Amino acid sequence: MRDAVTLDVRPPETSPDGALVSVIIPLAEHEAVPEALLATLPKTFEIVLARGGTRASSMNHAASVARGRHLWFVHADTTLGADAVPQLLLRLQEQRAAVRYFDLRFDGGALMRLTEGGVSFRSRVIGLPFGDQALCLPAATFRSLGGYDETAAHGEDHQLVRDARRAGLAIQPVGATITTSARKYRDKGWFRTTFMHLRLTLLQSLRAS
């Protein structure tokens, strides 16, 4: 049985042919609505806020009611660059279905620049962007892949990208940058958090191989 998830669906104010993009934002049980993020999104986008459940079940539940042709999964602590939406819309005009992702910056100091380099290598060379890079893909494709794996203890975003690659989809950078919080690195320490991420990614890669 799916964990309880509460949805707040905000339809587009103007959209002649239905919402082109549905923005899905998962929220923890007591997490505040990200008003600053919402203010930067076009009024032609459908917004679906999903609260409760696991992150995977929350996003799947939101995707099941979303009406957009594309699903854009954005974390609540994301700050969009000025070119994020225009570049995404430009990419979505392309005919080839793909999983698209953004380059990532952290609101931290020098060590976070090393992390950004690692993120760039992992995404562009290995072809494995993570969920905090605001993944966007066609709704029909997301559903054909079975959505996010709700049985996974972690790494449901990695698994979705791997499933997409096996299905022959391109993993494509949007060509724009978003910023996310480095809070967990500050709270738990850069070395400890980096090691944990590397370990979990390696374990998931071994299980998926």
C-alpha atoms as a PDB file:
ATOM      1  CA  MET A   1       0.000   0.000   0.000  1.00  0.00           C
ATOM      2  CA  ARG A   2       1.375   3.409  -0.955  1.00  0.00           C
ATOM      3  CA  ASP A   3       2.371   5.715   1.903  1.00  0.00           C
ATOM      4  CA  ALA A   4      -0.051   8.588   2.523  1.00  0.00           C
ATOM      5  CA  VAL A   5       0.790  11.554   0.323  1.00  0.00           C
ATOM      6  CA  THR A   6      -0.987  14.912   0.332  1.00  0.00           C
ATOM      7  CA  LEU A   7      -1.044  16.820  -2.958  1.00  0.00           C
ATOM      8  CA  ASP A   8      -1.441  20.533  -3.642  1.00  0.00           C
ATOM      9  CA  VAL A   9      -2.086  20.883  -7.366  1.00  0.00           C
ATOM     10  CA  ARG A  10      -1.844  24.385  -8.814  1.00  0.00           C
ATOM     11  CA  PRO A  11      -3.051  24.481 -12.426  1.00  0.00           C
ATOM     12  CA  PRO A  12      -1.481  26.828 -14.970  1.00  0.00           C
ATOM     13  CA  GLU A  13      -3.078  30.253 -15.218  1.00  0.00           C
ATOM     14  CA  THR A  14      -2.844  30.230 -19.013  1.00  0.00           C
ATOM     15  CA  SER A  15      -2.150  27.231 -21.209  1.00  0.00           C
ATOM     16  CA  PRO A  16      -3.987  26.912 -24.535  1.00  0.00           C
ATOM     17  CA  ASP A  17      -3.193  23.225 -25.073  1.00  0.00           C
ATOM     18  CA  GLY A  18      -2.812  21.951 -21.517  1.00  0.00           C
ATOM     19  CA  ALA A  19       0.224  22.301 -19.298  1.00  0.00           C
ATOM     20  CA  LEU A  20       3.419  21.750 -21.262  1.00  0.00           C
ATOM     21  CA  VAL A  21       5.384  21.123 -18.079  1.00  0.00           C
ATOM     22  CA  SER A  22       4.275  19.833 -14.696  1.00  0.00           C
ATOM     23  CA  VAL A  23       6.712  20.804 -11.957  1.00  0.00           C
ATOM     24  CA  ILE A  24       6.724  18.215  -9.172  1.00  0.00           C
ATOM     25  CA  ILE A  25       8.152  19.353  -5.847  1.00  0.00           C
ATOM     26  CA  PRO A  26       8.354  16.739  -3.049  1.00  0.00           C
ATOM     27  CA  LEU A  27       8.137  18.121   0.486  1.00  0.00           C
ATOM     28  CA  ALA A  28       8.936  16.536   3.828  1.00  0.00           C
ATOM     29  CA  GLU A  29       6.055  16.328   6.304  1.00  0.00           C
ATOM     30  CA  HIS A  30       6.691  19.707   7.946  1.00  0.00           C
ATOM     31  CA  GLU A  31       8.724  21.400   5.208  1.00  0.00           C
ATOM     32  CA  ALA A  32       7.577  24.894   4.244  1.00  0.00           C
ATOM     33  CA  VAL A  33       6.204  25.600   0.792  1.00  0.00           C
ATOM     34  CA  PRO A  34       9.129  27.030  -1.251  1.00  0.00           C
ATOM     35  CA  GLU A  35       7.515  30.332  -2.178  1.00  0.00           C
ATOM     36  CA  ALA A  36      10.746  31.806  -3.590  1.00  0.00           C
ATOM     37  CA  LEU A  37      11.093  28.874  -5.978  1.00  0.00           C
ATOM     38  CA  LEU A  38       7.434  29.020  -7.005  1.00  0.00           C
ATOM     39  CA  ALA A  39       7.763  32.721  -7.795  1.00  0.00           C
ATOM     40  CA  THR A  40      10.419  31.943 -10.437  1.00  0.00           C
ATOM     41  CA  LEU A  41       8.285  29.390 -12.298  1.00  0.00           C
ATOM     42  CA  PRO A  42       6.183  30.431 -15.316  1.00  0.00           C
ATOM     43  CA  LYS A  43       2.444  30.757 -14.819  1.00  0.00           C
ATOM     44  CA  THR A  44       2.005  28.429 -17.808  1.00  0.00           C
ATOM     45  CA  PHE A  45       3.441  25.523 -15.773  1.00  0.00           C
ATOM     46  CA  GLU A  46       1.373  23.210 -13.616  1.00  0.00           C
ATOM     47  CA  ILE A  47       2.743  22.948 -10.058  1.00  0.00           C
ATOM     48  CA  VAL A  48       2.256  19.796  -7.971  1.00  0.00           C
ATOM     49  CA  LEU A  49       3.441  19.938  -4.360  1.00  0.00           C
ATOM     50  CA  ALA A  50       3.591  16.467  -2.806  1.00  0.00           C
ATOM     51  CA  ARG A  51       3.917  16.121   0.956  1.00  0.00           C
ATOM     52  CA  GLY A  52       4.465  12.949   2.961  1.00  0.00           C
ATOM     53  CA  GLY A  53       5.412   9.384   2.128  1.00  0.00           C
ATOM     54  CA  THR A  54       8.884   8.520   0.923  1.00  0.00           C
ATOM     55  CA  ARG A  55      10.485  10.716  -1.706  1.00  0.00           C
ATOM     56  CA  ALA A  56       9.838   8.029  -4.344  1.00  0.00           C
ATOM     57  CA  SER A  57       6.186   7.484  -3.407  1.00  0.00           C
ATOM     58  CA  SER A  58       5.641  11.221  -3.131  1.00  0.00           C
ATOM     59  CA  MET A  59       6.965  11.879  -6.636  1.00  0.00           C
ATOM     60  CA  ASN A  60       5.132   8.902  -8.147  1.00  0.00           C
ATOM     61  CA  HIS A  61       1.847   9.986  -6.596  1.00  0.00           C
ATOM     62  CA  ALA A  62       2.311  13.521  -7.927  1.00  0.00           C
ATOM     63  CA  ALA A  63       3.216  12.187 -11.382  1.00  0.00           C
ATOM     64  CA  SER A  64       0.041  10.084 -11.466  1.00  0.00           C
ATOM     65  CA  VAL A  65      -2.155  13.218 -11.389  1.00  0.00           C
ATOM     66  CA  ALA A  66       0.101  15.596 -13.342  1.00  0.00           C
ATOM     67  CA  ARG A  67      -1.314  16.712 -16.703  1.00  0.00           C
ATOM     68  CA  GLY A  68       1.826  18.059 -18.357  1.00  0.00           C
ATOM     69  CA  ARG A  69       3.513  16.422 -21.329  1.00  0.00           C
ATOM     70  CA  HIS A  70       6.780  16.694 -19.431  1.00  0.00           C
ATOM     71  CA  LEU A  71       7.481  16.089 -15.746  1.00  0.00           C
ATOM     72  CA  TRP A  72      10.087  18.281 -14.071  1.00  0.00           C
ATOM     73  CA  PHE A  73      11.173  17.040 -10.642  1.00  0.00           C
ATOM     74  CA  VAL A  74      12.573  19.935  -8.605  1.00  0.00           C
ATOM     75  CA  HIS A  75      13.747  19.819  -4.984  1.00  0.00           C
ATOM     76  CA  ALA A  76      12.336  22.470  -2.669  1.00  0.00           C
ATOM     77  CA  ASP A  77      15.764  23.923  -1.812  1.00  0.00           C
ATOM     78  CA  THR A  78      16.563  24.604  -5.472  1.00  0.00           C
ATOM     79  CA  THR A  79      17.260  28.095  -6.803  1.00  0.00           C
ATOM     80  CA  LEU A  80      16.794  28.452 -10.549  1.00  0.00           C
ATOM     81  CA  GLY A  81      19.254  30.479 -12.582  1.00  0.00           C
ATOM     82  CA  ALA A  82      17.845  33.161 -14.865  1.00  0.00           C
ATOM     83  CA  ASP A  83      18.390  30.951 -17.921  1.00  0.00           C
ATOM     84  CA  ALA A  84      17.077  27.717 -16.389  1.00  0.00           C
ATOM     85  CA  VAL A  85      13.507  27.865 -17.681  1.00  0.00           C
ATOM     86  CA  PRO A  86      14.315  29.354 -21.133  1.00  0.00           C
ATOM     87  CA  GLN A  87      16.996  26.726 -21.739  1.00  0.00           C
ATOM     88  CA  LEU A  88      14.717  23.920 -20.597  1.00  0.00           C
ATOM     89  CA  LEU A  89      11.926  25.076 -22.910  1.00  0.00           C
ATOM     90  CA  LEU A  90      14.406  25.240 -25.761  1.00  0.00           C
ATOM     91  CA  ARG A  91      15.480  21.648 -25.098  1.00  0.00           C
ATOM     92  CA  LEU A  92      11.887  20.449 -24.871  1.00  0.00           C
ATOM     93  CA  GLN A  93      11.287  21.632 -28.432  1.00  0.00           C
ATOM     94  CA  GLU A  94      13.605  18.862 -29.609  1.00  0.00           C
ATOM     95  CA  GLN A  95      11.829  15.766 -30.887  1.00  0.00           C
ATOM     96  CA  ARG A  96      14.055  13.141 -29.271  1.00  0.00           C
ATOM     97  CA  ALA A  97      12.860  11.915 -25.876  1.00  0.00           C
ATOM     98  CA  ALA A  98      15.505  12.300 -23.200  1.00  0.00           C
ATOM     99  CA  VAL A  99      16.139  12.618 -19.495  1.00  0.00           C
ATOM    100  CA  ARG A 100      17.367  16.170 -19.083  1.00  0.00           C
ATOM    101  CA  TYR A 101      19.273  17.564 -16.133  1.00  0.00           C
ATOM    102  CA  PHE A 102      20.854  20.792 -14.927  1.00  0.00           C
ATOM    103  CA  ASP A 103      24.415  21.574 -13.945  1.00  0.00           C
ATOM    104  CA  LEU A 104      24.634  21.979 -10.187  1.00  0.00           C
ATOM    105  CA  ARG A 105      26.114  24.587  -7.882  1.00  0.00           C
ATOM    106  CA  PHE A 106      26.121  24.550  -4.081  1.00  0.00           C
ATOM    107  CA  ASP A 107      25.779  27.556  -1.803  1.00  0.00           C
ATOM    108  CA  GLY A 108      29.009  26.695   0.002  1.00  0.00           C
ATOM    109  CA  GLY A 109      32.734  27.435   0.020  1.00  0.00           C
ATOM    110  CA  ALA A 110      35.843  26.075  -1.687  1.00  0.00           C
ATOM    111  CA  LEU A 111      35.254  22.399  -0.923  1.00  0.00           C
ATOM    112  CA  MET A 112      31.874  22.603  -2.625  1.00  0.00           C
ATOM    113  CA  ARG A 113      33.646  23.611  -5.838  1.00  0.00           C
ATOM    114  CA  LEU A 114      35.298  20.167  -5.725  1.00  0.00           C
ATOM    115  CA  THR A 115      31.882  18.593  -5.256  1.00  0.00           C
ATOM    116  CA  GLU A 116      30.545  20.514  -8.262  1.00  0.00           C
ATOM    117  CA  GLY A 117      33.430  19.151 -10.342  1.00  0.00           C
ATOM    118  CA  GLY A 118      32.552  15.633  -9.243  1.00  0.00           C
ATOM    119  CA  VAL A 119      28.890  16.198 -10.101  1.00  0.00           C
ATOM    120  CA  SER A 120      29.865  17.441 -13.562  1.00  0.00           C
ATOM    121  CA  PHE A 121      32.078  14.402 -14.176  1.00  0.00           C
ATOM    122  CA  ARG A 122      29.448  11.961 -12.937  1.00  0.00           C
ATOM    123  CA  SER A 123      26.740  13.561 -15.087  1.00  0.00           C
ATOM    124  CA  ARG A 124      28.543  14.380 -18.314  1.00  0.00           C
ATOM    125  CA  VAL A 125      31.102  11.571 -18.474  1.00  0.00           C
ATOM    126  CA  ILE A 126      29.427   8.687 -16.645  1.00  0.00           C
ATOM    127  CA  GLY A 127      25.917   9.788 -17.611  1.00  0.00           C
ATOM    128  CA  LEU A 128      24.469   9.559 -14.097  1.00  0.00           C
ATOM    129  CA  PRO A 129      22.839  12.790 -12.908  1.00  0.00           C
ATOM    130  CA  PHE A 130      21.122  12.741  -9.510  1.00  0.00           C
ATOM    131  CA  GLY A 131      17.698  13.962  -8.483  1.00  0.00           C
ATOM    132  CA  ASP A 132      18.976  17.255  -7.062  1.00  0.00           C
ATOM    133  CA  GLN A 133      19.851  18.196 -10.659  1.00  0.00           C
ATOM    134  CA  ALA A 134      16.149  18.719 -11.418  1.00  0.00           C
ATOM    135  CA  LEU A 135      15.487  15.829 -13.791  1.00  0.00           C
ATOM    136  CA  CYS A 136      12.950  16.411 -16.564  1.00  0.00           C
ATOM    137  CA  LEU A 137      11.515  13.792 -18.912  1.00  0.00           C
ATOM    138  CA  PRO A 138       8.369  13.110 -20.940  1.00  0.00           C
ATOM    139  CA  ALA A 139       5.449  11.998 -18.792  1.00  0.00           C
ATOM    140  CA  ALA A 140       4.746   9.047 -21.102  1.00  0.00           C
ATOM    141  CA  THR A 141       8.354   7.921 -20.788  1.00  0.00           C
ATOM    142  CA  PHE A 142       8.310   8.220 -16.998  1.00  0.00           C
ATOM    143  CA  ARG A 143       5.220   6.017 -16.819  1.00  0.00           C
ATOM    144  CA  SER A 144       6.590   3.464 -19.280  1.00  0.00           C
ATOM    145  CA  LEU A 145       9.675   3.120 -17.065  1.00  0.00           C
ATOM    146  CA  GLY A 146       7.485   2.418 -14.058  1.00  0.00           C
ATOM    147  CA  GLY A 147       8.330   5.642 -12.245  1.00  0.00           C
ATOM    148  CA  TYR A 148      10.588   5.753  -9.213  1.00  0.00           C
ATOM    149  CA  ASP A 149      11.276   2.488  -7.413  1.00  0.00           C
ATOM    150  CA  GLU A 150       9.379   2.768  -4.136  1.00  0.00           C
ATOM    151  CA  THR A 151      11.092  -0.331  -2.714  1.00  0.00           C
ATOM    152  CA  ALA A 152      14.565   1.209  -2.933  1.00  0.00           C
ATOM    153  CA  ALA A 153      16.024   2.277   0.409  1.00  0.00           C
ATOM    154  CA  HIS A 154      17.874   5.051  -1.417  1.00  0.00           C
ATOM    155  CA  GLY A 155      18.990   6.020  -4.900  1.00  0.00           C
ATOM    156  CA  GLU A 156      15.615   5.861  -6.637  1.00  0.00           C
ATOM    157  CA  ASP A 157      16.804   8.718  -8.861  1.00  0.00           C
ATOM    158  CA  HIS A 158      19.926   6.804  -9.950  1.00  0.00           C
ATOM    159  CA  GLN A 159      17.769   3.797 -10.779  1.00  0.00           C
ATOM    160  CA  LEU A 160      15.378   5.829 -12.917  1.00  0.00           C
ATOM    161  CA  VAL A 161      18.290   7.237 -14.933  1.00  0.00           C
ATOM    162  CA  ARG A 162      19.774   3.763 -15.402  1.00  0.00           C
ATOM    163  CA  ASP A 163      16.399   2.395 -16.512  1.00  0.00           C
ATOM    164  CA  ALA A 164      16.102   5.243 -19.002  1.00  0.00           C
ATOM    165  CA  ARG A 165      19.549   4.516 -20.418  1.00  0.00           C
ATOM    166  CA  ARG A 166      18.695   0.827 -20.825  1.00  0.00           C
ATOM    167  CA  ALA A 167      15.557   1.899 -22.700  1.00  0.00           C
ATOM    168  CA  GLY A 168      17.714   3.850 -25.134  1.00  0.00           C
ATOM    169  CA  LEU A 169      16.966   7.371 -23.898  1.00  0.00           C
ATOM    170  CA  ALA A 170      19.581  10.088 -24.078  1.00  0.00           C
ATOM    171  CA  ILE A 171      20.790  11.607 -20.805  1.00  0.00           C
ATOM    172  CA  GLN A 172      21.134  15.234 -21.819  1.00  0.00           C
ATOM    173  CA  PRO A 173      22.314  18.406 -20.051  1.00  0.00           C
ATOM    174  CA  VAL A 174      19.953  21.352 -20.346  1.00  0.00           C
ATOM    175  CA  GLY A 175      22.885  23.752 -20.553  1.00  0.00           C
ATOM    176  CA  ALA A 176      21.893  25.847 -17.542  1.00  0.00           C
ATOM    177  CA  THR A 177      22.801  25.874 -13.876  1.00  0.00           C
ATOM    178  CA  ILE A 178      20.721  25.599 -10.710  1.00  0.00           C
ATOM    179  CA  THR A 179      21.854  26.122  -7.130  1.00  0.00           C
ATOM    180  CA  THR A 180      21.070  23.865  -4.214  1.00  0.00           C
ATOM    181  CA  SER A 181      21.755  23.917  -0.480  1.00  0.00           C
ATOM    182  CA  ALA A 182      25.021  22.572   0.930  1.00  0.00           C
ATOM    183  CA  ARG A 183      23.340  22.218   4.330  1.00  0.00           C
ATOM    184  CA  LYS A 184      23.949  18.485   4.716  1.00  0.00           C
ATOM    185  CA  TYR A 185      27.648  18.995   3.934  1.00  0.00           C
ATOM    186  CA  ARG A 186      27.842  21.687   6.606  1.00  0.00           C
ATOM    187  CA  ASP A 187      25.868  19.644   9.123  1.00  0.00           C
ATOM    188  CA  LYS A 188      27.611  16.294   8.646  1.00  0.00           C
ATOM    189  CA  GLY A 189      30.968  17.434   7.319  1.00  0.00           C
ATOM    190  CA  TRP A 190      32.229  17.547   3.756  1.00  0.00           C
ATOM    191  CA  PHE A 191      34.479  14.452   3.925  1.00  0.00           C
ATOM    192  CA  ARG A 192      31.884  12.291   5.681  1.00  0.00           C
ATOM    193  CA  THR A 193      29.060  13.320   3.341  1.00  0.00           C
ATOM    194  CA  THR A 194      31.184  12.887   0.208  1.00  0.00           C
ATOM    195  CA  PHE A 195      32.328   9.425   1.317  1.00  0.00           C
ATOM    196  CA  MET A 196      28.740   8.419   2.103  1.00  0.00           C
ATOM    197  CA  HIS A 197      27.525   9.507  -1.349  1.00  0.00           C
ATOM    198  CA  LEU A 198      30.358   7.691  -3.111  1.00  0.00           C
ATOM    199  CA  ARG A 199      29.724   4.534  -1.108  1.00  0.00           C
ATOM    200  CA  LEU A 200      25.977   4.506  -1.732  1.00  0.00           C
ATOM    201  CA  THR A 201      26.432   5.205  -5.450  1.00  0.00           C
ATOM    202  CA  LEU A 202      28.958   2.389  -5.770  1.00  0.00           C
ATOM    203  CA  LEU A 203      26.709  -0.049  -3.907  1.00  0.00           C
ATOM    204  CA  GLN A 204      23.749   0.826  -6.102  1.00  0.00           C
ATOM    205  CA  SER A 205      25.858   0.497  -9.256  1.00  0.00           C
ATOM    206  CA  LEU A 206      27.007  -2.965  -8.191  1.00  0.00           C
ATOM    207  CA  ARG A 207      23.457  -4.092  -7.481  1.00  0.00           C
ATOM    208  CA  ALA A 208      22.247  -2.746 -10.826  1.00  0.00           C
ATOM    209  CA  SER A 209      25.045  -4.353 -12.864  1.00  0.00           C
END
